C-alpha atoms as a PDB file:
ATOM      1  CA  MET A   1      -4.022 -33.660 -12.129  1.00  0.00           C
ATOM      2  CA  THR A   2      -2.430 -30.393 -11.003  1.00  0.00           C
ATOM      3  CA  PRO A   3      -1.382 -30.457  -7.342  1.00  0.00           C
ATOM      4  CA  GLU A   4      -2.810 -27.932  -4.892  1.00  0.00           C
ATOM      5  CA  PRO A   5      -0.566 -24.834  -4.714  1.00  0.00           C
ATOM      6  CA  GLY A   6       1.901 -25.101  -1.858  1.00  0.00           C
ATOM      7  CA  THR A   7       1.876 -28.901  -1.615  1.00  0.00           C
ATOM      8  CA  GLU A   8       4.727 -29.821  -3.973  1.00  0.00           C
ATOM      9  CA  ASN A   9       6.578 -26.511  -4.188  1.00  0.00           C
ATOM     10  CA  VAL A  10       6.183 -22.842  -3.341  1.00  0.00           C
ATOM     11  CA  GLU A  11       6.339 -21.462  -6.877  1.00  0.00           C
ATOM     12  CA  LYS A  12       2.776 -20.192  -7.255  1.00  0.00           C
ATOM     13  CA  LEU A  13       1.780 -18.226  -4.166  1.00  0.00           C
ATOM     14  CA  ALA A  14      -0.631 -15.702  -5.690  1.00  0.00           C
ATOM     15  CA  THR A  15      -3.621 -17.228  -3.896  1.00  0.00           C
ATOM     16  CA  PHE A  16      -2.011 -17.036  -0.450  1.00  0.00           C
ATOM     17  CA  THR A  17      -2.580 -13.347   0.178  1.00  0.00           C
ATOM     18  CA  LEU A  18      -3.804 -11.528   3.256  1.00  0.00           C
ATOM     19  CA  ASP A  19      -7.544 -10.926   3.336  1.00  0.00           C
ATOM     20  CA  GLU A  20      -8.881  -7.583   4.575  1.00  0.00           C
ATOM     21  CA  ALA A  21      -9.287  -8.754   8.191  1.00  0.00           C
ATOM     22  CA  ALA A  22      -5.739 -10.159   8.275  1.00  0.00           C
ATOM     23  CA  ARG A  23      -4.341  -6.942   6.759  1.00  0.00           C
ATOM     24  CA  SER A  24      -6.081  -4.891   9.437  1.00  0.00           C
ATOM     25  CA  GLU A  25      -4.802  -7.161  12.210  1.00  0.00           C
ATOM     26  CA  LEU A  26      -1.244  -7.022  10.849  1.00  0.00           C
ATOM     27  CA  VAL A  27      -1.257  -3.220  10.591  1.00  0.00           C
ATOM     28  CA  ARG A  28      -2.780  -2.884  14.074  1.00  0.00           C
ATOM     29  CA  THR A  29      -0.289  -5.315  15.649  1.00  0.00           C
ATOM     30  CA  ALA A  30       3.005  -4.456  13.941  1.00  0.00           C
ATOM     31  CA  SER A  31       4.995  -1.444  15.063  1.00  0.00           C
ATOM     32  CA  GLU A  32       7.633  -1.236  12.329  1.00  0.00           C
ATOM     33  CA  LEU A  33       7.678  -1.004   8.568  1.00  0.00           C
ATOM     34  CA  THR A  34      10.375  -0.964   5.946  1.00  0.00           C
ATOM     35  CA  PHE A  35      10.382   2.381   4.109  1.00  0.00           C
ATOM     36  CA  VAL A  36      11.748   2.018   0.564  1.00  0.00           C
ATOM     37  CA  PHE A  37      12.876   5.070  -1.408  1.00  0.00           C
ATOM     38  CA  HIS A  38      15.417   6.068  -4.066  1.00  0.00           C
ATOM     39  CA  ASN A  39      18.580   7.751  -2.803  1.00  0.00           C
ATOM     40  CA  ALA A  40      20.285  10.680  -4.533  1.00  0.00           C
ATOM     41  CA  ALA A  41      22.244   8.290  -6.771  1.00  0.00           C
ATOM     42  CA  GLY A  42      19.017   6.573  -7.863  1.00  0.00           C
ATOM     43  CA  TRP A  43      19.552   3.355  -5.913  1.00  0.00           C
ATOM     44  CA  PRO A  44      16.597   1.743  -4.159  1.00  0.00           C
ATOM     45  CA  THR A  45      17.308   2.082  -0.447  1.00  0.00           C
ATOM     46  CA  ALA A  46      15.375   1.163   2.664  1.00  0.00           C
ATOM     47  CA  VAL A  47      15.176   1.962   6.361  1.00  0.00           C
ATOM     48  CA  VAL A  48      13.156   0.323   9.111  1.00  0.00           C
ATOM     49  CA  MET A  49      10.897   2.786  10.926  1.00  0.00           C
ATOM     50  CA  SER A  50       8.253   2.730  13.622  1.00  0.00           C
ATOM     51  CA  PHE A  51       4.869   3.815  12.301  1.00  0.00           C
ATOM     52  CA  LEU A  52       1.387   4.927  13.167  1.00  0.00           C
ATOM     53  CA  GLU A  53      -1.628   4.047  11.027  1.00  0.00           C
ATOM     54  CA  HIS A  54      -4.647   6.348  11.195  1.00  0.00           C
ATOM     55  CA  GLU A  55      -7.737   5.935   9.014  1.00  0.00           C
ATOM     56  CA  GLY A  56      -5.885   4.031   6.298  1.00  0.00           C
ATOM     57  CA  THR A  57      -2.912   6.397   6.111  1.00  0.00           C
ATOM     58  CA  PHE A  58       0.523   5.633   7.562  1.00  0.00           C
ATOM     59  CA  TYR A  59       2.728   8.119   9.397  1.00  0.00           C
ATOM     60  CA  VAL A  60       6.422   7.970  10.262  1.00  0.00           C
ATOM     61  CA  THR A  61       8.742  10.558  11.734  1.00  0.00           C
ATOM     62  CA  ALA A  62      12.357  11.601  11.328  1.00  0.00           C
ATOM     63  CA  THR A  63      14.406  14.752  11.163  1.00  0.00           C
ATOM     64  CA  SER A  64      14.503  16.772   7.974  1.00  0.00           C
ATOM     65  CA  GLN A  65      18.220  16.008   7.457  1.00  0.00           C
ATOM     66  CA  ARG A  66      17.697  12.249   7.027  1.00  0.00           C
ATOM     67  CA  ALA A  67      18.377  10.916   3.514  1.00  0.00           C
ATOM     68  CA  HIS A  68      14.960   9.295   3.210  1.00  0.00           C
ATOM     69  CA  VAL A  69      13.214  12.583   4.049  1.00  0.00           C
ATOM     70  CA  ARG A  70      15.402  14.629   1.708  1.00  0.00           C
ATOM     71  CA  SER A  71      14.768  12.156  -1.135  1.00  0.00           C
ATOM     72  CA  LEU A  72      11.022  12.865  -1.050  1.00  0.00           C
ATOM     73  CA  ALA A  73      11.491  16.338  -2.547  1.00  0.00           C
ATOM     74  CA  ALA A  74      12.760  14.706  -5.748  1.00  0.00           C
ATOM     75  CA  ASP A  75      10.372  11.754  -5.789  1.00  0.00           C
ATOM     76  CA  PRO A  76       7.483  11.261  -3.343  1.00  0.00           C
ATOM     77  CA  ARG A  77       6.815   7.705  -4.571  1.00  0.00           C
ATOM     78  CA  VAL A  78       7.797   5.144  -1.953  1.00  0.00           C
ATOM     79  CA  SER A  79       6.968   1.621  -0.940  1.00  0.00           C
ATOM     80  CA  ILE A  80       6.399   0.301   2.541  1.00  0.00           C
ATOM     81  CA  VAL A  81       6.539  -3.290   3.726  1.00  0.00           C
ATOM     82  CA  ILE A  82       4.949  -4.478   6.959  1.00  0.00           C
ATOM     83  CA  SER A  83       5.526  -7.986   8.280  1.00  0.00           C
ATOM     84  CA  ASN A  84       4.537  -9.888  11.374  1.00  0.00           C
ATOM     85  CA  ALA A  85       8.171 -10.455  12.381  1.00  0.00           C
ATOM     86  CA  GLY A  86       8.523  -9.563  16.049  1.00  0.00           C
ATOM     87  CA  THR A  87       4.804  -9.897  16.778  1.00  0.00           C
ATOM     88  CA  GLU A  88       2.773 -12.718  18.293  1.00  0.00           C
ATOM     89  CA  LEU A  89       0.863 -13.235  15.027  1.00  0.00           C
ATOM     90  CA  LEU A  90       1.101 -16.751  13.637  1.00  0.00           C
ATOM     91  CA  GLY A  91       2.654 -17.778  10.340  1.00  0.00           C
ATOM     92  CA  ARG A  92       4.505 -15.453   8.013  1.00  0.00           C
ATOM     93  CA  GLN A  93       2.511 -12.413   7.003  1.00  0.00           C
ATOM     94  CA  MET A  94       3.579  -9.533   4.778  1.00  0.00           C
ATOM     95  CA  LEU A  95       1.949  -6.527   3.170  1.00  0.00           C
ATOM     96  CA  SER A  96       3.710  -4.293   0.625  1.00  0.00           C
ATOM     97  CA  LEU A  97       2.121  -0.990  -0.430  1.00  0.00           C
ATOM     98  CA  ARG A  98       2.980   1.713  -2.944  1.00  0.00           C
ATOM     99  CA  CYS A  99       2.485   5.137  -1.366  1.00  0.00           C
ATOM    100  CA  LEU A 100       2.772   8.834  -2.054  1.00  0.00           C
ATOM    101  CA  ALA A 101       4.690  10.633   0.676  1.00  0.00           C
ATOM    102  CA  PHE A 102       3.932  14.098   2.027  1.00  0.00           C
ATOM    103  CA  VAL A 103       6.318  15.790   4.464  1.00  0.00           C
ATOM    104  CA  HIS A 104       4.687  17.855   7.220  1.00  0.00           C
ATOM    105  CA  THR A 105       6.756  20.406   9.118  1.00  0.00           C
ATOM    106  CA  ASP A 106       3.901  22.311  10.783  1.00  0.00           C
ATOM    107  CA  ARG A 107       3.467  22.283  14.579  1.00  0.00           C
ATOM    108  CA  GLU A 108      -0.201  21.301  14.348  1.00  0.00           C
ATOM    109  CA  THR A 109       0.612  17.986  12.623  1.00  0.00           C
ATOM    110  CA  ILE A 110       3.582  17.260  14.892  1.00  0.00           C
ATOM    111  CA  GLU A 111       1.510  17.963  18.024  1.00  0.00           C
ATOM    112  CA  TRP A 112      -1.285  15.721  16.725  1.00  0.00           C
ATOM    113  CA  PHE A 113       1.104  12.914  15.777  1.00  0.00           C
ATOM    114  CA  LEU A 114       3.561  12.632  18.678  1.00  0.00           C
ATOM    115  CA  PRO A 115       1.134  11.624  21.480  1.00  0.00           C
ATOM    116  CA  LEU A 116      -0.577   8.991  19.290  1.00  0.00           C
ATOM    117  CA  PHE A 117       2.746   7.639  18.021  1.00  0.00           C
ATOM    118  CA  THR A 118       4.419   7.394  21.417  1.00  0.00           C
ATOM    119  CA  ARG A 119       1.315   5.826  22.982  1.00  0.00           C
ATOM    120  CA  LYS A 120       1.336   3.120  20.300  1.00  0.00           C
ATOM    121  CA  LEU A 121       5.000   2.364  20.946  1.00  0.00           C
ATOM    122  CA  GLY A 122       4.634   2.262  24.728  1.00  0.00           C
ATOM    123  CA  GLY A 123       6.979   3.507  27.367  1.00  0.00           C
ATOM    124  CA  LYS A 124       6.637   6.853  29.061  1.00  0.00           C
ATOM    125  CA  SER A 125       4.846   8.552  26.212  1.00  0.00           C
ATOM    126  CA  GLU A 126       5.267  12.131  27.491  1.00  0.00           C
ATOM    127  CA  ALA A 127       9.023  11.716  27.947  1.00  0.00           C
ATOM    128  CA  PHE A 128       9.325   9.932  24.599  1.00  0.00           C
ATOM    129  CA  ALA A 129       7.293  12.645  22.844  1.00  0.00           C
ATOM    130  CA  ALA A 130       9.487  15.345  24.411  1.00  0.00           C
ATOM    131  CA  LEU A 131      12.595  13.523  23.171  1.00  0.00           C
ATOM    132  CA  LEU A 132      11.214  13.332  19.630  1.00  0.00           C
ATOM    133  CA  ASP A 133       9.943  16.925  19.560  1.00  0.00           C
ATOM    134  CA  SER A 134      13.160  18.351  18.177  1.00  0.00           C
ATOM    135  CA  GLU A 135      13.873  21.409  16.051  1.00  0.00           C
ATOM    136  CA  ASN A 136      14.032  19.589  12.716  1.00  0.00           C
ATOM    137  CA  ARG A 137      11.285  17.013  13.383  1.00  0.00           C
ATOM    138  CA  VAL A 138       8.968  16.193  10.483  1.00  0.00           C
ATOM    139  CA  VAL A 139       6.033  13.841  10.082  1.00  0.00           C
ATOM    140  CA  VAL A 140       5.848  11.931   6.827  1.00  0.00           C
ATOM    141  CA  GLU A 141       2.347  11.003   5.703  1.00  0.00           C
ATOM    142  CA  LEU A 142       2.227   7.894   3.517  1.00  0.00           C
ATOM    143  CA  ARG A 143      -0.947   7.610   1.452  1.00  0.00           C
ATOM    144  CA  PRO A 144      -1.340   4.143  -0.058  1.00  0.00           C
ATOM    145  CA  VAL A 145      -2.119   4.080  -3.783  1.00  0.00           C
ATOM    146  CA  GLY A 146      -1.899   0.335  -4.320  1.00  0.00           C
ATOM    147  CA  VAL A 147      -0.996  -3.051  -2.920  1.00  0.00           C
ATOM    148  CA  THR A 148       2.230  -4.384  -4.413  1.00  0.00           C
ATOM    149  CA  ALA A 149       2.034  -7.781  -2.743  1.00  0.00           C
ATOM    150  CA  SER A 150       0.836  -9.600   0.322  1.00  0.00           C
ATOM    151  CA  HIS A 151       1.462 -13.050   1.717  1.00  0.00           C
ATOM    152  CA  ASP A 152      -0.162 -15.204   4.383  1.00  0.00           C
ATOM    153  CA  SER A 153       1.525 -18.547   5.000  1.00  0.00           C
ATOM    154  CA  ARG A 154      -1.362 -19.609   7.263  1.00  0.00           C
ATOM    155  CA  ARG A 155      -3.412 -20.138   4.102  1.00  0.00           C
ATOM    156  CA  MET A 156      -0.866 -22.633   2.728  1.00  0.00           C
ATOM    157  CA  PRO A 157      -0.928 -26.348   3.451  1.00  0.00           C
ATOM    158  CA  GLY A 158       1.417 -26.958   6.377  1.00  0.00           C
ATOM    159  CA  ASP A 159       2.030 -23.218   6.763  1.00  0.00           C
ATOM    160  CA  GLY A 160       4.221 -23.395   3.646  1.00  0.00           C
ATOM    161  CA  ARG A 161       6.795 -25.575   5.384  1.00  0.00           C
ATOM    162  CA  GLY A 162       6.054 -28.837   3.591  1.00  0.00           C
ATOM    163  CA  ASP A 163       4.192 -30.616   6.416  1.00  0.00           C
ATOM    164  CA  PRO A 164       0.500 -30.654   5.464  1.00  0.00           C
ATOM    165  CA  ASP A 165      -0.449 -31.901   8.946  1.00  0.00           C
ATOM    166  CA  SER A 166       1.101 -28.968  10.791  1.00  0.00           C
ATOM    167  CA  GLY A 167      -0.612 -25.645  11.231  1.00  0.00           C
ATOM    168  CA  PRO A 168       0.583 -22.080  11.467  1.00  0.00           C
ATOM    169  CA  ARG A 169       3.329 -21.348  13.941  1.00  0.00           C
ATOM    170  CA  ARG A 170       4.971 -18.305  15.384  1.00  0.00           C
ATOM    171  CA  ASN A 171       7.984 -16.827  13.652  1.00  0.00           C
ATOM    172  CA  VAL A 172      11.110 -18.115  15.333  1.00  0.00           C
ATOM    173  CA  ARG A 173      14.669 -17.034  14.799  1.00  0.00           C
ATOM    174  CA  ALA A 174      16.538 -19.623  12.763  1.00  0.00           C
ATOM    175  CA  ALA A 175      19.744 -21.117  14.069  1.00  0.00           C
ATOM    176  CA  SER A 176      22.933 -19.801  12.547  1.00  0.00           C
ATOM    177  CA  PRO A 177      24.154 -21.737   9.512  1.00  0.00           C
ATOM    178  CA  PRO A 178      27.000 -24.162  10.264  1.00  0.00           C
ATOM    179  CA  SER A 179      29.514 -21.907   8.464  1.00  0.00           C
ATOM    180  CA  ALA A 180      28.686 -19.055  10.868  1.00  0.00           C
ATOM    181  CA  GLN A 181      29.237 -21.232  13.945  1.00  0.00           C
ATOM    182  CA  ARG A 182      32.934 -21.787  13.281  1.00  0.00           C
END
């Protein structure tokens, strides 16, 4: 008899994906994503960025001189990864999307974006928006074209930690390995 996935090993995780409600909650709760692009030398490269989601589309901001913005002229295909790290959501949750990126330099888009973005991130939103509203500011629109992967450890026996009697738990920072404590 074949064991239930996640009970003897964590090799076959395809069934432990985020459902639509969990995806929505993750996107609504998280404030950062990993933005993956190809640099000028062709290497996959990534940066962590704060984001805003609006009607199924993701938005990030940077200045036009940043490498990840410049790279979009050559190839607008990017990936983004959102996880529940740093949130109060239980378990380990991850969503990876393939997107097409569109760079907006117009004032109308920037003026629409900045108040929503700074409100999501908290703090004194007017002061934060003023700080971000710089000469070379751009808004990058990320239109999802497909889900690359998703994962939801809460759907695994024992939250994927090998203890079938335990339930999902919050992400906690692991202790340093013994070699790092010397």
